């Protein structure tokens, strides 16, 4: 048998399931080519603020995640049921802690969107800027209300969210 000359199955004769006790090396034999983890599921999302609270509707507080190797993708819709004087830094919990790489290469900036109806914003859909620092279990959230074409960001909890606000979540980060 020669190296790189044998196929496993054929286009018309395929294997049904593959069970491995280790990982699969894809495109090379180095440790960077080893795929040894795949997982998908849901987790209960929470929003926390420096002070006050944003409470999610228990029928709309689950986010789906898919983890392939070190990459985690999170998606879903969250609905705010009530708020109690939220202010300051605002965070969304993550299903896995973000990675710690060199020179902040583990940081993950992301863009989410949401329908807002808080007292500090005109009802409508706005951009949410998220930041996941290295070794973090949370995604810090800022709203970008676009006042007079400004790209300024504000803490999501500073009177921007109210009951009836929805967050449309869709982002990827590295663990």
C-alpha atoms as a PDB file:
ATOM      1  CA  UNK A   1       0.000   0.000   0.000  1.00  0.00           C
ATOM      2  CA  UNK A   2       1.389   3.399  -1.009  1.00  0.00           C
ATOM      3  CA  UNK A   3       0.986   6.581   1.056  1.00  0.00           C
ATOM      4  CA  UNK A   4      -2.054   8.712   0.081  1.00  0.00           C
ATOM      5  CA  UNK A   5      -3.339   6.105  -2.407  1.00  0.00           C
ATOM      6  CA  UNK A   6      -6.226   4.323  -0.627  1.00  0.00           C
ATOM      7  CA  UNK A   7      -9.793   5.624  -0.280  1.00  0.00           C
ATOM      8  CA  UNK A   8     -12.160   4.606   2.474  1.00  0.00           C
ATOM      9  CA  UNK A   9     -15.400   3.780   0.660  1.00  0.00           C
ATOM     10  CA  UNK A  10     -16.557   4.978  -2.755  1.00  0.00           C
ATOM     11  CA  UNK A  11     -19.028   7.603  -3.962  1.00  0.00           C
ATOM     12  CA  UNK A  12     -21.589   4.823  -4.504  1.00  0.00           C
ATOM     13  CA  UNK A  13     -20.492   2.584  -1.594  1.00  0.00           C
ATOM     14  CA  UNK A  14     -20.382   4.649   1.562  1.00  0.00           C
ATOM     15  CA  UNK A  15     -19.893   3.798   5.207  1.00  0.00           C
ATOM     16  CA  UNK A  16     -22.844   4.620   7.472  1.00  0.00           C
ATOM     17  CA  UNK A  17     -21.222   5.587  10.786  1.00  0.00           C
ATOM     18  CA  UNK A  18     -17.664   6.102  11.920  1.00  0.00           C
ATOM     19  CA  UNK A  19     -16.728   5.613  15.561  1.00  0.00           C
ATOM     20  CA  UNK A  20     -13.305   6.794  16.669  1.00  0.00           C
ATOM     21  CA  UNK A  21     -11.636   6.545  20.039  1.00  0.00           C
ATOM     22  CA  UNK A  22      -9.333   9.422  19.065  1.00  0.00           C
ATOM     23  CA  UNK A  23      -9.443  12.192  16.511  1.00  0.00           C
ATOM     24  CA  UNK A  24      -9.339  12.460  12.727  1.00  0.00           C
ATOM     25  CA  UNK A  25      -6.379  14.075  10.987  1.00  0.00           C
ATOM     26  CA  UNK A  26      -7.623  16.225   8.122  1.00  0.00           C
ATOM     27  CA  UNK A  27      -5.233  17.566   5.508  1.00  0.00           C
ATOM     28  CA  UNK A  28      -2.065  16.620   7.380  1.00  0.00           C
ATOM     29  CA  UNK A  29      -0.557  14.678  10.238  1.00  0.00           C
ATOM     30  CA  UNK A  30       0.397  17.519  12.602  1.00  0.00           C
ATOM     31  CA  UNK A  31      -1.444  18.265  15.831  1.00  0.00           C
ATOM     32  CA  UNK A  32      -3.007  21.347  14.196  1.00  0.00           C
ATOM     33  CA  UNK A  33      -4.732  19.021  11.697  1.00  0.00           C
ATOM     34  CA  UNK A  34      -6.364  16.835  14.342  1.00  0.00           C
ATOM     35  CA  UNK A  35     -10.118  17.217  14.728  1.00  0.00           C
ATOM     36  CA  UNK A  36     -10.871  15.671  18.102  1.00  0.00           C
ATOM     37  CA  UNK A  37     -14.005  17.481  19.250  1.00  0.00           C
ATOM     38  CA  UNK A  38     -17.476  18.127  17.856  1.00  0.00           C
ATOM     39  CA  UNK A  39     -20.468  19.054  19.960  1.00  0.00           C
ATOM     40  CA  UNK A  40     -23.794  20.762  19.485  1.00  0.00           C
ATOM     41  CA  UNK A  41     -26.505  21.675  21.925  1.00  0.00           C
ATOM     42  CA  UNK A  42     -28.325  24.487  23.677  1.00  0.00           C
ATOM     43  CA  UNK A  43     -27.618  26.447  26.820  1.00  0.00           C
ATOM     44  CA  UNK A  44     -29.609  28.846  28.981  1.00  0.00           C
ATOM     45  CA  UNK A  45     -28.539  32.399  28.216  1.00  0.00           C
ATOM     46  CA  UNK A  46     -28.423  35.121  30.856  1.00  0.00           C
ATOM     47  CA  UNK A  47     -27.809  38.849  30.637  1.00  0.00           C
ATOM     48  CA  UNK A  48     -26.022  40.504  33.555  1.00  0.00           C
ATOM     49  CA  UNK A  49     -25.410  44.198  34.218  1.00  0.00           C
ATOM     50  CA  UNK A  50     -23.080  46.130  36.501  1.00  0.00           C
ATOM     51  CA  UNK A  51     -26.216  47.167  38.394  1.00  0.00           C
ATOM     52  CA  UNK A  52     -29.890  46.387  38.005  1.00  0.00           C
ATOM     53  CA  UNK A  53     -31.068  43.507  35.847  1.00  0.00           C
ATOM     54  CA  UNK A  54     -32.327  42.430  32.447  1.00  0.00           C
ATOM     55  CA  UNK A  55     -34.538  39.346  32.768  1.00  0.00           C
ATOM     56  CA  UNK A  56     -35.080  37.110  29.752  1.00  0.00           C
ATOM     57  CA  UNK A  57     -38.386  35.420  28.946  1.00  0.00           C
ATOM     58  CA  UNK A  58     -37.988  31.755  29.969  1.00  0.00           C
ATOM     59  CA  UNK A  59     -39.577  30.687  26.655  1.00  0.00           C
ATOM     60  CA  UNK A  60     -36.913  32.665  24.714  1.00  0.00           C
ATOM     61  CA  UNK A  61     -33.697  32.277  26.730  1.00  0.00           C
ATOM     62  CA  UNK A  62     -32.007  29.296  25.048  1.00  0.00           C
ATOM     63  CA  UNK A  63     -29.214  29.701  22.522  1.00  0.00           C
ATOM     64  CA  UNK A  64     -27.920  26.962  20.231  1.00  0.00           C
ATOM     65  CA  UNK A  65     -24.199  26.322  19.907  1.00  0.00           C
ATOM     66  CA  UNK A  66     -22.035  24.206  17.621  1.00  0.00           C
ATOM     67  CA  UNK A  67     -18.456  23.480  18.681  1.00  0.00           C
ATOM     68  CA  UNK A  68     -16.018  22.141  16.079  1.00  0.00           C
ATOM     69  CA  UNK A  69     -12.517  21.809  17.442  1.00  0.00           C
ATOM     70  CA  UNK A  70     -11.773  25.197  19.051  1.00  0.00           C
ATOM     71  CA  UNK A  71     -14.451  27.152  17.138  1.00  0.00           C
ATOM     72  CA  UNK A  72     -17.805  27.807  18.824  1.00  0.00           C
ATOM     73  CA  UNK A  73     -20.764  29.258  16.939  1.00  0.00           C
ATOM     74  CA  UNK A  74     -23.715  30.644  18.951  1.00  0.00           C
ATOM     75  CA  UNK A  75     -27.119  31.578  17.536  1.00  0.00           C
ATOM     76  CA  UNK A  76     -30.724  32.171  18.497  1.00  0.00           C
ATOM     77  CA  UNK A  77     -33.205  34.810  19.611  1.00  0.00           C
ATOM     78  CA  UNK A  78     -33.486  36.135  23.161  1.00  0.00           C
ATOM     79  CA  UNK A  79     -36.543  38.026  24.402  1.00  0.00           C
ATOM     80  CA  UNK A  80     -36.455  40.465  27.330  1.00  0.00           C
ATOM     81  CA  UNK A  81     -39.399  40.023  29.697  1.00  0.00           C
ATOM     82  CA  UNK A  82     -38.518  42.765  32.187  1.00  0.00           C
ATOM     83  CA  UNK A  83     -35.816  45.159  33.329  1.00  0.00           C
ATOM     84  CA  UNK A  84     -35.020  46.675  36.704  1.00  0.00           C
ATOM     85  CA  UNK A  85     -32.881  49.834  36.399  1.00  0.00           C
ATOM     86  CA  UNK A  86     -30.127  48.178  34.329  1.00  0.00           C
ATOM     87  CA  UNK A  87     -26.944  50.206  33.897  1.00  0.00           C
ATOM     88  CA  UNK A  88     -23.259  49.830  33.293  1.00  0.00           C
ATOM     89  CA  UNK A  89     -21.352  47.020  31.635  1.00  0.00           C
ATOM     90  CA  UNK A  90     -23.726  44.420  30.191  1.00  0.00           C
ATOM     91  CA  UNK A  91     -22.778  40.798  29.500  1.00  0.00           C
ATOM     92  CA  UNK A  92     -24.174  37.705  27.755  1.00  0.00           C
ATOM     93  CA  UNK A  93     -22.908  34.405  29.165  1.00  0.00           C
ATOM     94  CA  UNK A  94     -21.103  31.953  26.842  1.00  0.00           C
ATOM     95  CA  UNK A  95     -21.370  28.150  26.650  1.00  0.00           C
ATOM     96  CA  UNK A  96     -17.543  27.789  26.844  1.00  0.00           C
ATOM     97  CA  UNK A  97     -14.749  30.038  28.127  1.00  0.00           C
ATOM     98  CA  UNK A  98     -12.884  31.822  25.330  1.00  0.00           C
ATOM     99  CA  UNK A  99      -9.325  30.841  24.531  1.00  0.00           C
ATOM    100  CA  UNK A 100      -6.160  32.462  25.760  1.00  0.00           C
ATOM    101  CA  UNK A 101      -3.765  32.911  22.869  1.00  0.00           C
ATOM    102  CA  UNK A 102      -0.738  35.108  22.431  1.00  0.00           C
ATOM    103  CA  UNK A 103      -0.966  38.858  21.871  1.00  0.00           C
ATOM    104  CA  UNK A 104      -4.755  38.930  22.291  1.00  0.00           C
ATOM    105  CA  UNK A 105      -5.374  36.800  19.197  1.00  0.00           C
ATOM    106  CA  UNK A 106      -8.039  35.013  21.270  1.00  0.00           C
ATOM    107  CA  UNK A 107     -10.199  38.164  21.439  1.00  0.00           C
ATOM    108  CA  UNK A 108     -13.396  38.001  19.384  1.00  0.00           C
ATOM    109  CA  UNK A 109     -15.309  41.074  18.330  1.00  0.00           C
ATOM    110  CA  UNK A 110     -18.732  40.349  16.908  1.00  0.00           C
ATOM    111  CA  UNK A 111     -21.876  42.010  15.633  1.00  0.00           C
ATOM    112  CA  UNK A 112     -25.374  41.033  16.731  1.00  0.00           C
ATOM    113  CA  UNK A 113     -28.644  42.867  16.132  1.00  0.00           C
ATOM    114  CA  UNK A 114     -31.733  43.534  18.173  1.00  0.00           C
ATOM    115  CA  UNK A 115     -35.169  45.082  18.184  1.00  0.00           C
ATOM    116  CA  UNK A 116     -35.097  47.749  20.903  1.00  0.00           C
ATOM    117  CA  UNK A 117     -37.810  49.686  22.677  1.00  0.00           C
ATOM    118  CA  UNK A 118     -36.043  51.120  25.728  1.00  0.00           C
ATOM    119  CA  UNK A 119     -36.499  54.656  27.016  1.00  0.00           C
ATOM    120  CA  UNK A 120     -33.133  55.865  25.631  1.00  0.00           C
ATOM    121  CA  UNK A 121     -33.766  54.720  22.054  1.00  0.00           C
ATOM    122  CA  UNK A 122     -36.412  55.021  19.330  1.00  0.00           C
ATOM    123  CA  UNK A 123     -38.146  51.682  18.721  1.00  0.00           C
ATOM    124  CA  UNK A 124     -36.397  49.775  15.963  1.00  0.00           C
ATOM    125  CA  UNK A 125     -33.679  47.360  14.937  1.00  0.00           C
ATOM    126  CA  UNK A 126     -30.142  48.363  15.891  1.00  0.00           C
ATOM    127  CA  UNK A 127     -26.644  46.912  15.806  1.00  0.00           C
ATOM    128  CA  UNK A 128     -25.190  45.330  18.946  1.00  0.00           C
ATOM    129  CA  UNK A 129     -21.401  45.279  19.166  1.00  0.00           C
ATOM    130  CA  UNK A 130     -19.991  42.415  21.230  1.00  0.00           C
ATOM    131  CA  UNK A 131     -16.526  41.867  22.644  1.00  0.00           C
ATOM    132  CA  UNK A 132     -15.215  38.592  24.022  1.00  0.00           C
ATOM    133  CA  UNK A 133     -11.786  39.034  25.654  1.00  0.00           C
ATOM    134  CA  UNK A 134      -9.382  36.140  26.122  1.00  0.00           C
ATOM    135  CA  UNK A 135     -10.184  33.673  28.918  1.00  0.00           C
ATOM    136  CA  UNK A 136     -13.703  35.043  29.343  1.00  0.00           C
ATOM    137  CA  UNK A 137     -17.032  33.341  29.999  1.00  0.00           C
ATOM    138  CA  UNK A 138     -18.996  36.383  28.773  1.00  0.00           C
ATOM    139  CA  UNK A 139     -19.576  38.540  25.700  1.00  0.00           C
ATOM    140  CA  UNK A 140     -19.756  42.247  26.627  1.00  0.00           C
ATOM    141  CA  UNK A 141     -22.587  43.937  24.720  1.00  0.00           C
ATOM    142  CA  UNK A 142     -22.904  47.512  23.478  1.00  0.00           C
ATOM    143  CA  UNK A 143     -25.729  49.037  21.437  1.00  0.00           C
ATOM    144  CA  UNK A 144     -24.919  51.243  18.456  1.00  0.00           C
ATOM    145  CA  UNK A 145     -28.020  53.457  18.146  1.00  0.00           C
ATOM    146  CA  UNK A 146     -26.644  55.487  15.220  1.00  0.00           C
ATOM    147  CA  UNK A 147     -27.708  58.905  16.542  1.00  0.00           C
ATOM    148  CA  UNK A 148     -26.953  61.466  13.800  1.00  0.00           C
ATOM    149  CA  UNK A 149     -24.782  58.940  11.910  1.00  0.00           C
ATOM    150  CA  UNK A 150     -22.607  58.438  14.976  1.00  0.00           C
ATOM    151  CA  UNK A 151     -20.908  55.082  15.451  1.00  0.00           C
ATOM    152  CA  UNK A 152     -20.685  55.503  19.221  1.00  0.00           C
ATOM    153  CA  UNK A 153     -21.430  52.533  21.453  1.00  0.00           C
ATOM    154  CA  UNK A 154     -23.349  52.510  24.729  1.00  0.00           C
ATOM    155  CA  UNK A 155     -23.772  49.849  27.391  1.00  0.00           C
ATOM    156  CA  UNK A 156     -26.730  47.706  26.399  1.00  0.00           C
ATOM    157  CA  UNK A 157     -28.146  48.032  29.905  1.00  0.00           C
ATOM    158  CA  UNK A 158     -28.205  51.855  30.031  1.00  0.00           C
ATOM    159  CA  UNK A 159     -31.972  52.183  29.472  1.00  0.00           C
ATOM    160  CA  UNK A 160     -31.767  50.762  25.935  1.00  0.00           C
ATOM    161  CA  UNK A 161     -33.552  47.511  26.725  1.00  0.00           C
ATOM    162  CA  UNK A 162     -37.089  47.143  28.046  1.00  0.00           C
ATOM    163  CA  UNK A 163     -39.686  44.393  28.146  1.00  0.00           C
ATOM    164  CA  UNK A 164     -40.359  43.394  24.530  1.00  0.00           C
ATOM    165  CA  UNK A 165     -36.766  43.919  23.370  1.00  0.00           C
ATOM    166  CA  UNK A 166     -35.368  41.028  21.314  1.00  0.00           C
ATOM    167  CA  UNK A 167     -31.704  40.190  20.703  1.00  0.00           C
ATOM    168  CA  UNK A 168     -30.871  38.268  17.498  1.00  0.00           C
ATOM    169  CA  UNK A 169     -27.686  36.384  18.350  1.00  0.00           C
ATOM    170  CA  UNK A 170     -25.279  34.983  15.751  1.00  0.00           C
ATOM    171  CA  UNK A 171     -21.503  34.976  16.419  1.00  0.00           C
ATOM    172  CA  UNK A 172     -18.412  32.763  16.463  1.00  0.00           C
ATOM    173  CA  UNK A 173     -15.435  32.707  18.820  1.00  0.00           C
ATOM    174  CA  UNK A 174     -12.440  30.528  19.677  1.00  0.00           C
ATOM    175  CA  UNK A 175     -11.898  28.570  22.880  1.00  0.00           C
END
